[in-house]
């Protein structure tokens, strides 16, 4: 079963920051609900997993994905992915096209077009293409929230480490100036600047590692499907009343 899903989301961050984080697969992939990134393969692809929870039932998919095309100038990327249920109940192949563009107010819009092929039992869950599209939008909404949180954490980390770095650079400049000055220790009352320059420098402050994405949590598909269904109902009545208002 082949379907095309079109969706988009907005991130409260500049396009350059969003693009930089999105193409860093090792950091952005875990932002997707239920996704787990594993080791990188020689061909540049990554092994991965996807866990979905449907009430008491937990489905696990294993597969791989890679960046097939990347245009840094235009900020567009194509990701190919494939996966199969670990119990042999079907699988999916997808080609995901994403474009990062500037939005008003310093925000960023990300447009996503996914061409998906479902097979086996998994395809039976995909008969309602409208529901899958709504579910996809819910997933992207969660991905956007996690991605925004990661970008904000990166920005806070950069600001935190910038001040000590600037202080260290200023200290090094001061020490270099002292070293260049003539040795006046033989003159009464004048400190020996060369000795000061030769004194051991204070150790730089230890920096904490960059923030890591949140640990993998199984995707609660049941809750998302309820949200998607409710959103579909709301959209239906909105269109219905919208048509009546024109009469």
C-alpha atoms as a PDB file:
ATOM      1  CA  UNK A   1       0.000   0.000   0.000  1.00  0.00           C
ATOM      2  CA  UNK A   2       1.508   3.327  -1.098  1.00  0.00           C
ATOM      3  CA  UNK A   3       0.554   6.635   0.486  1.00  0.00           C
ATOM      4  CA  UNK A   4       1.910  10.173   0.423  1.00  0.00           C
ATOM      5  CA  UNK A   5       1.839  12.215   3.602  1.00  0.00           C
ATOM      6  CA  UNK A   6       2.308  15.981   3.507  1.00  0.00           C
ATOM      7  CA  UNK A   7       2.762  17.886   6.728  1.00  0.00           C
ATOM      8  CA  UNK A   8       4.693  20.751   8.259  1.00  0.00           C
ATOM      9  CA  UNK A   9       5.678  22.252  11.577  1.00  0.00           C
ATOM     10  CA  UNK A  10       7.204  25.449  12.924  1.00  0.00           C
ATOM     11  CA  UNK A  11      10.204  25.721  15.248  1.00  0.00           C
ATOM     12  CA  UNK A  12      10.856  28.781  17.391  1.00  0.00           C
ATOM     13  CA  UNK A  13      14.498  29.113  16.292  1.00  0.00           C
ATOM     14  CA  UNK A  14      16.488  30.549  13.345  1.00  0.00           C
ATOM     15  CA  UNK A  15      16.670  28.410  10.155  1.00  0.00           C
ATOM     16  CA  UNK A  16      20.449  28.016  10.460  1.00  0.00           C
ATOM     17  CA  UNK A  17      20.120  26.460  13.927  1.00  0.00           C
ATOM     18  CA  UNK A  18      17.256  24.187  12.873  1.00  0.00           C
ATOM     19  CA  UNK A  19      19.121  22.998   9.777  1.00  0.00           C
ATOM     20  CA  UNK A  20      22.344  22.360  11.693  1.00  0.00           C
ATOM     21  CA  UNK A  21      20.527  20.231  14.257  1.00  0.00           C
ATOM     22  CA  UNK A  22      18.337  18.365  11.758  1.00  0.00           C
ATOM     23  CA  UNK A  23      21.236  17.112   9.630  1.00  0.00           C
ATOM     24  CA  UNK A  24      23.091  15.979  12.760  1.00  0.00           C
ATOM     25  CA  UNK A  25      21.419  12.568  12.663  1.00  0.00           C
ATOM     26  CA  UNK A  26      22.902  11.349  15.927  1.00  0.00           C
ATOM     27  CA  UNK A  27      21.208  14.218  17.773  1.00  0.00           C
ATOM     28  CA  UNK A  28      18.007  14.790  15.812  1.00  0.00           C
ATOM     29  CA  UNK A  29      16.845  11.197  15.260  1.00  0.00           C
ATOM     30  CA  UNK A  30      16.143  10.508  18.967  1.00  0.00           C
ATOM     31  CA  UNK A  31      13.846  13.569  18.968  1.00  0.00           C
ATOM     32  CA  UNK A  32      11.323  11.561  16.963  1.00  0.00           C
ATOM     33  CA  UNK A  33       8.905   9.818  19.363  1.00  0.00           C
ATOM     34  CA  UNK A  34       9.703   6.129  19.763  1.00  0.00           C
ATOM     35  CA  UNK A  35      12.841   6.248  17.583  1.00  0.00           C
ATOM     36  CA  UNK A  36      16.177   4.781  18.606  1.00  0.00           C
ATOM     37  CA  UNK A  37      19.438   5.382  16.771  1.00  0.00           C
ATOM     38  CA  UNK A  38      22.014   2.605  16.683  1.00  0.00           C
ATOM     39  CA  UNK A  39      25.422   2.120  15.075  1.00  0.00           C
ATOM     40  CA  UNK A  40      26.471   3.661  11.777  1.00  0.00           C
ATOM     41  CA  UNK A  41      27.176   1.339   8.847  1.00  0.00           C
ATOM     42  CA  UNK A  42      30.111   1.543   6.376  1.00  0.00           C
ATOM     43  CA  UNK A  43      27.800   2.924   3.663  1.00  0.00           C
ATOM     44  CA  UNK A  44      26.869   5.872   5.870  1.00  0.00           C
ATOM     45  CA  UNK A  45      23.461   4.538   6.886  1.00  0.00           C
ATOM     46  CA  UNK A  46      22.380   3.976  10.466  1.00  0.00           C
ATOM     47  CA  UNK A  47      20.696   1.026  12.064  1.00  0.00           C
ATOM     48  CA  UNK A  48      17.669   2.054  14.039  1.00  0.00           C
ATOM     49  CA  UNK A  49      14.585   0.951  15.876  1.00  0.00           C
ATOM     50  CA  UNK A  50      11.052   2.201  16.375  1.00  0.00           C
ATOM     51  CA  UNK A  51       8.824   1.172  19.277  1.00  0.00           C
ATOM     52  CA  UNK A  52       5.050   1.660  19.233  1.00  0.00           C
ATOM     53  CA  UNK A  53       2.749   1.005  22.179  1.00  0.00           C
ATOM     54  CA  UNK A  54      -0.901   0.145  21.533  1.00  0.00           C
ATOM     55  CA  UNK A  55      -2.458  -0.364  24.950  1.00  0.00           C
ATOM     56  CA  UNK A  56      -0.888  -3.512  26.441  1.00  0.00           C
ATOM     57  CA  UNK A  57       0.681  -4.412  23.063  1.00  0.00           C
ATOM     58  CA  UNK A  58       4.153  -3.178  22.157  1.00  0.00           C
ATOM     59  CA  UNK A  59       5.360  -3.354  18.549  1.00  0.00           C
ATOM     60  CA  UNK A  60       9.044  -3.126  17.720  1.00  0.00           C
ATOM     61  CA  UNK A  61      10.432  -2.348  14.279  1.00  0.00           C
ATOM     62  CA  UNK A  62      14.041  -2.730  13.195  1.00  0.00           C
ATOM     63  CA  UNK A  63      15.530  -1.118  10.128  1.00  0.00           C
ATOM     64  CA  UNK A  64      17.938   1.443   8.795  1.00  0.00           C
ATOM     65  CA  UNK A  65      17.942   4.912   7.287  1.00  0.00           C
ATOM     66  CA  UNK A  66      20.363   7.319   5.681  1.00  0.00           C
ATOM     67  CA  UNK A  67      20.583  10.785   4.187  1.00  0.00           C
ATOM     68  CA  UNK A  68      20.239  10.127   0.458  1.00  0.00           C
ATOM     69  CA  UNK A  69      20.543  13.773  -0.653  1.00  0.00           C
ATOM     70  CA  UNK A  70      21.566  16.941   1.165  1.00  0.00           C
ATOM     71  CA  UNK A  71      21.523  20.501  -0.184  1.00  0.00           C
ATOM     72  CA  UNK A  72      23.051  22.846   2.389  1.00  0.00           C
ATOM     73  CA  UNK A  73      22.527  25.953   0.256  1.00  0.00           C
ATOM     74  CA  UNK A  74      18.820  25.310  -0.253  1.00  0.00           C
ATOM     75  CA  UNK A  75      18.406  23.579   3.127  1.00  0.00           C
ATOM     76  CA  UNK A  76      16.666  20.543   1.696  1.00  0.00           C
ATOM     77  CA  UNK A  77      17.312  16.919   2.590  1.00  0.00           C
ATOM     78  CA  UNK A  78      16.066  13.523   1.422  1.00  0.00           C
ATOM     79  CA  UNK A  79      16.077  10.646   3.892  1.00  0.00           C
ATOM     80  CA  UNK A  80      15.448   7.048   2.873  1.00  0.00           C
ATOM     81  CA  UNK A  81      14.235   4.624   5.540  1.00  0.00           C
ATOM     82  CA  UNK A  82      13.069   1.037   5.772  1.00  0.00           C
ATOM     83  CA  UNK A  83      11.979  -1.198   8.602  1.00  0.00           C
ATOM     84  CA  UNK A  84      10.273  -4.471   9.440  1.00  0.00           C
ATOM     85  CA  UNK A  85       8.380  -5.664  12.472  1.00  0.00           C
ATOM     86  CA  UNK A  86      10.657  -7.876  14.557  1.00  0.00           C
ATOM     87  CA  UNK A  87       7.904 -10.557  14.651  1.00  0.00           C
ATOM     88  CA  UNK A  88       7.420 -10.581  10.881  1.00  0.00           C
ATOM     89  CA  UNK A  89       4.062  -8.825  10.754  1.00  0.00           C
ATOM     90  CA  UNK A  90       5.008  -6.473   7.943  1.00  0.00           C
ATOM     91  CA  UNK A  91       7.118  -3.457   7.273  1.00  0.00           C
ATOM     92  CA  UNK A  92       7.483  -0.096   5.596  1.00  0.00           C
ATOM     93  CA  UNK A  93       9.748   1.744   3.169  1.00  0.00           C
ATOM     94  CA  UNK A  94       9.781   5.518   3.040  1.00  0.00           C
ATOM     95  CA  UNK A  95      11.400   8.417   1.271  1.00  0.00           C
ATOM     96  CA  UNK A  96      11.165  11.588   3.310  1.00  0.00           C
ATOM     97  CA  UNK A  97      11.739  15.011   1.726  1.00  0.00           C
ATOM     98  CA  UNK A  98      12.217  17.895   4.151  1.00  0.00           C
ATOM     99  CA  UNK A  99      12.710  21.603   3.403  1.00  0.00           C
ATOM    100  CA  UNK A 100      13.737  24.234   5.961  1.00  0.00           C
ATOM    101  CA  UNK A 101      12.592  27.794   5.239  1.00  0.00           C
ATOM    102  CA  UNK A 102      12.512  31.111   7.049  1.00  0.00           C
ATOM    103  CA  UNK A 103       9.286  32.118   8.800  1.00  0.00           C
ATOM    104  CA  UNK A 104       8.218  35.414  10.343  1.00  0.00           C
ATOM    105  CA  UNK A 105       9.433  36.445  13.781  1.00  0.00           C
ATOM    106  CA  UNK A 106      12.740  34.579  13.669  1.00  0.00           C
ATOM    107  CA  UNK A 107      11.000  31.218  13.416  1.00  0.00           C
ATOM    108  CA  UNK A 108      11.531  28.358  10.992  1.00  0.00           C
ATOM    109  CA  UNK A 109       9.060  26.343   8.937  1.00  0.00           C
ATOM    110  CA  UNK A 110       9.817  22.740   8.048  1.00  0.00           C
ATOM    111  CA  UNK A 111       7.790  21.146   5.231  1.00  0.00           C
ATOM    112  CA  UNK A 112       7.825  17.355   5.028  1.00  0.00           C
ATOM    113  CA  UNK A 113       6.603  15.107   2.201  1.00  0.00           C
ATOM    114  CA  UNK A 114       6.783  11.371   2.897  1.00  0.00           C
ATOM    115  CA  UNK A 115       6.199   8.651   0.296  1.00  0.00           C
ATOM    116  CA  UNK A 116       5.479   5.483   2.261  1.00  0.00           C
ATOM    117  CA  UNK A 117       4.940   1.876   1.161  1.00  0.00           C
ATOM    118  CA  UNK A 118       3.339  -0.415   3.762  1.00  0.00           C
ATOM    119  CA  UNK A 119       3.335  -4.202   3.545  1.00  0.00           C
ATOM    120  CA  UNK A 120       1.937  -7.148   5.483  1.00  0.00           C
ATOM    121  CA  UNK A 121      -0.256  -6.735   8.543  1.00  0.00           C
ATOM    122  CA  UNK A 122       1.085  -3.214   8.993  1.00  0.00           C
ATOM    123  CA  UNK A 123      -0.637  -2.221   5.740  1.00  0.00           C
ATOM    124  CA  UNK A 124      -4.024  -3.075   7.268  1.00  0.00           C
ATOM    125  CA  UNK A 125      -3.514  -0.307   9.802  1.00  0.00           C
ATOM    126  CA  UNK A 126      -2.920   2.094   6.927  1.00  0.00           C
ATOM    127  CA  UNK A 127      -6.222   1.720   5.111  1.00  0.00           C
ATOM    128  CA  UNK A 128      -7.454   5.018   6.480  1.00  0.00           C
ATOM    129  CA  UNK A 129      -4.982   7.339   4.777  1.00  0.00           C
ATOM    130  CA  UNK A 130      -6.638  10.375   6.327  1.00  0.00           C
ATOM    131  CA  UNK A 131      -6.107   8.979   9.808  1.00  0.00           C
ATOM    132  CA  UNK A 132      -2.475   8.173   9.063  1.00  0.00           C
ATOM    133  CA  UNK A 133      -1.928  11.722   7.811  1.00  0.00           C
ATOM    134  CA  UNK A 134      -3.459  13.127  10.996  1.00  0.00           C
ATOM    135  CA  UNK A 135      -1.355  10.743  13.076  1.00  0.00           C
ATOM    136  CA  UNK A 136       1.737  11.814  11.150  1.00  0.00           C
ATOM    137  CA  UNK A 137       1.018  15.448  11.996  1.00  0.00           C
ATOM    138  CA  UNK A 138       0.759  14.547  15.697  1.00  0.00           C
ATOM    139  CA  UNK A 139       4.124  12.797  15.485  1.00  0.00           C
ATOM    140  CA  UNK A 140       5.711  15.798  13.792  1.00  0.00           C
ATOM    141  CA  UNK A 141       4.272  18.097  16.444  1.00  0.00           C
ATOM    142  CA  UNK A 142       6.018  16.070  19.126  1.00  0.00           C
ATOM    143  CA  UNK A 143       9.204  15.947  17.052  1.00  0.00           C
ATOM    144  CA  UNK A 144       9.091  19.746  16.701  1.00  0.00           C
ATOM    145  CA  UNK A 145       8.744  20.186  20.475  1.00  0.00           C
ATOM    146  CA  UNK A 146      11.675  17.865  21.162  1.00  0.00           C
ATOM    147  CA  UNK A 147      13.780  19.500  18.450  1.00  0.00           C
ATOM    148  CA  UNK A 148      13.044  22.980  19.800  1.00  0.00           C
ATOM    149  CA  UNK A 149      13.993  21.876  23.317  1.00  0.00           C
ATOM    150  CA  UNK A 150      17.264  20.449  22.002  1.00  0.00           C
ATOM    151  CA  UNK A 151      18.114  23.634  20.070  1.00  0.00           C
ATOM    152  CA  UNK A 152      17.318  25.810  23.100  1.00  0.00           C
ATOM    153  CA  UNK A 153      19.511  23.579  25.251  1.00  0.00           C
ATOM    154  CA  UNK A 154      22.344  23.901  22.729  1.00  0.00           C
ATOM    155  CA  UNK A 155      21.994  27.698  22.773  1.00  0.00           C
ATOM    156  CA  UNK A 156      22.098  27.786  26.576  1.00  0.00           C
ATOM    157  CA  UNK A 157      25.177  25.557  26.569  1.00  0.00           C
ATOM    158  CA  UNK A 158      26.926  27.815  24.034  1.00  0.00           C
ATOM    159  CA  UNK A 159      26.191  30.918  26.118  1.00  0.00           C
ATOM    160  CA  UNK A 160      27.387  29.172  29.267  1.00  0.00           C
ATOM    161  CA  UNK A 161      30.737  28.181  27.752  1.00  0.00           C
ATOM    162  CA  UNK A 162      31.347  31.440  25.874  1.00  0.00           C
ATOM    163  CA  UNK A 163      32.080  33.519  28.993  1.00  0.00           C
ATOM    164  CA  UNK A 164      34.858  31.244  30.388  1.00  0.00           C
ATOM    165  CA  UNK A 165      36.418  31.018  26.925  1.00  0.00           C
ATOM    166  CA  UNK A 166      36.530  34.805  26.601  1.00  0.00           C
ATOM    167  CA  UNK A 167      38.012  35.121  30.103  1.00  0.00           C
ATOM    168  CA  UNK A 168      40.752  32.597  29.260  1.00  0.00           C
ATOM    169  CA  UNK A 169      41.588  34.446  26.025  1.00  0.00           C
ATOM    170  CA  UNK A 170      41.850  37.770  27.886  1.00  0.00           C
ATOM    171  CA  UNK A 171      44.150  36.195  30.477  1.00  0.00           C
ATOM    172  CA  UNK A 172      46.403  34.781  27.766  1.00  0.00           C
ATOM    173  CA  UNK A 173      46.651  38.190  26.085  1.00  0.00           C
ATOM    174  CA  UNK A 174      47.578  39.777  29.418  1.00  0.00           C
ATOM    175  CA  UNK A 175      50.246  37.158  30.077  1.00  0.00           C
ATOM    176  CA  UNK A 176      51.673  37.625  26.582  1.00  0.00           C
ATOM    177  CA  UNK A 177      51.932  41.381  27.224  1.00  0.00           C
ATOM    178  CA  UNK A 178      53.764  40.781  30.485  1.00  0.00           C
ATOM    179  CA  UNK A 179      56.176  38.392  28.795  1.00  0.00           C
ATOM    180  CA  UNK A 180      56.983  40.969  26.114  1.00  0.00           C
ATOM    181  CA  UNK A 181      57.791  43.667  28.725  1.00  0.00           C
ATOM    182  CA  UNK A 182      61.502  44.186  29.739  1.00  0.00           C
ATOM    183  CA  UNK A 183      62.804  42.572  32.936  1.00  0.00           C
ATOM    184  CA  UNK A 184      63.010  45.371  35.529  1.00  0.00           C
ATOM    185  CA  UNK A 185      63.458  43.166  38.585  1.00  0.00           C
ATOM    186  CA  UNK A 186      66.936  44.729  39.232  1.00  0.00           C
ATOM    187  CA  UNK A 187      65.374  48.156  39.780  1.00  0.00           C
ATOM    188  CA  UNK A 188      64.196  48.839  43.330  1.00  0.00           C
ATOM    189  CA  UNK A 189      60.447  48.687  43.830  1.00  0.00           C
ATOM    190  CA  UNK A 190      59.674  47.269  40.388  1.00  0.00           C
ATOM    191  CA  UNK A 191      58.134  43.732  40.224  1.00  0.00           C
ATOM    192  CA  UNK A 192      59.726  41.071  38.050  1.00  0.00           C
ATOM    193  CA  UNK A 193      57.130  40.698  35.239  1.00  0.00           C
ATOM    194  CA  UNK A 194      59.046  37.863  33.618  1.00  0.00           C
ATOM    195  CA  UNK A 195      58.683  35.799  36.759  1.00  0.00           C
ATOM    196  CA  UNK A 196      54.986  36.603  36.783  1.00  0.00           C
ATOM    197  CA  UNK A 197      54.651  35.465  33.173  1.00  0.00           C
ATOM    198  CA  UNK A 198      56.454  32.212  33.991  1.00  0.00           C
ATOM    199  CA  UNK A 199      54.036  31.465  36.829  1.00  0.00           C
ATOM    200  CA  UNK A 200      51.714  28.516  36.154  1.00  0.00           C
ATOM    201  CA  UNK A 201      48.446  29.525  34.514  1.00  0.00           C
ATOM    202  CA  UNK A 202      45.174  28.689  36.277  1.00  0.00           C
ATOM    203  CA  UNK A 203      43.508  25.591  34.917  1.00  0.00           C
ATOM    204  CA  UNK A 204      40.558  26.228  32.612  1.00  0.00           C
ATOM    205  CA  UNK A 205      37.169  25.461  34.059  1.00  0.00           C
ATOM    206  CA  UNK A 206      35.882  22.006  33.226  1.00  0.00           C
ATOM    207  CA  UNK A 207      33.065  22.203  30.710  1.00  0.00           C
ATOM    208  CA  UNK A 208      30.114  19.915  30.844  1.00  0.00           C
ATOM    209  CA  UNK A 209      29.402  17.903  27.686  1.00  0.00           C
ATOM    210  CA  UNK A 210      26.766  19.166  25.216  1.00  0.00           C
ATOM    211  CA  UNK A 211      23.176  18.302  26.193  1.00  0.00           C
ATOM    212  CA  UNK A 212      21.968  14.937  24.958  1.00  0.00           C
ATOM    213  CA  UNK A 213      18.513  14.123  23.589  1.00  0.00           C
ATOM    214  CA  UNK A 214      15.972  12.581  25.924  1.00  0.00           C
ATOM    215  CA  UNK A 215      16.053   8.768  26.297  1.00  0.00           C
ATOM    216  CA  UNK A 216      13.893   6.693  23.979  1.00  0.00           C
ATOM    217  CA  UNK A 217      10.291   6.327  25.155  1.00  0.00           C
ATOM    218  CA  UNK A 218       7.878   3.964  23.339  1.00  0.00           C
ATOM    219  CA  UNK A 219       5.429   5.838  21.148  1.00  0.00           C
ATOM    220  CA  UNK A 220       1.935   5.752  22.649  1.00  0.00           C
ATOM    221  CA  UNK A 221       0.119   5.351  19.339  1.00  0.00           C
ATOM    222  CA  UNK A 222      -3.238   4.877  21.041  1.00  0.00           C
ATOM    223  CA  UNK A 223      -3.131   8.328  22.622  1.00  0.00           C
ATOM    224  CA  UNK A 224      -1.943   9.912  19.380  1.00  0.00           C
ATOM    225  CA  UNK A 225      -4.675   8.198  17.376  1.00  0.00           C
ATOM    226  CA  UNK A 226      -7.304   9.539  19.759  1.00  0.00           C
ATOM    227  CA  UNK A 227      -5.879  13.033  19.309  1.00  0.00           C
ATOM    228  CA  UNK A 228      -5.746  12.555  15.545  1.00  0.00           C
ATOM    229  CA  UNK A 229      -9.329  11.289  15.432  1.00  0.00           C
ATOM    230  CA  UNK A 230     -10.567  14.221  17.505  1.00  0.00           C
ATOM    231  CA  UNK A 231      -8.678  16.644  15.254  1.00  0.00           C
ATOM    232  CA  UNK A 232     -10.215  15.006  12.166  1.00  0.00           C
ATOM    233  CA  UNK A 233     -13.699  15.420  13.650  1.00  0.00           C
ATOM    234  CA  UNK A 234     -13.037  19.061  14.464  1.00  0.00           C
ATOM    235  CA  UNK A 235     -11.747  19.689  10.933  1.00  0.00           C
ATOM    236  CA  UNK A 236     -14.828  18.021   9.452  1.00  0.00           C
ATOM    237  CA  UNK A 237     -17.250  20.217  11.385  1.00  0.00           C
ATOM    238  CA  UNK A 238     -15.146  23.301  10.692  1.00  0.00           C
ATOM    239  CA  UNK A 239     -15.427  22.646   6.955  1.00  0.00           C
ATOM    240  CA  UNK A 240     -19.119  21.811   7.306  1.00  0.00           C
ATOM    241  CA  UNK A 241     -20.005  25.004   9.126  1.00  0.00           C
ATOM    242  CA  UNK A 242     -17.680  26.970   6.918  1.00  0.00           C
ATOM    243  CA  UNK A 243     -19.634  25.880   3.846  1.00  0.00           C
ATOM    244  CA  UNK A 244     -22.958  26.744   5.508  1.00  0.00           C
ATOM    245  CA  UNK A 245     -21.736  30.212   6.433  1.00  0.00           C
ATOM    246  CA  UNK A 246     -21.222  31.031   2.753  1.00  0.00           C
ATOM    247  CA  UNK A 247     -24.922  30.473   1.941  1.00  0.00           C
END
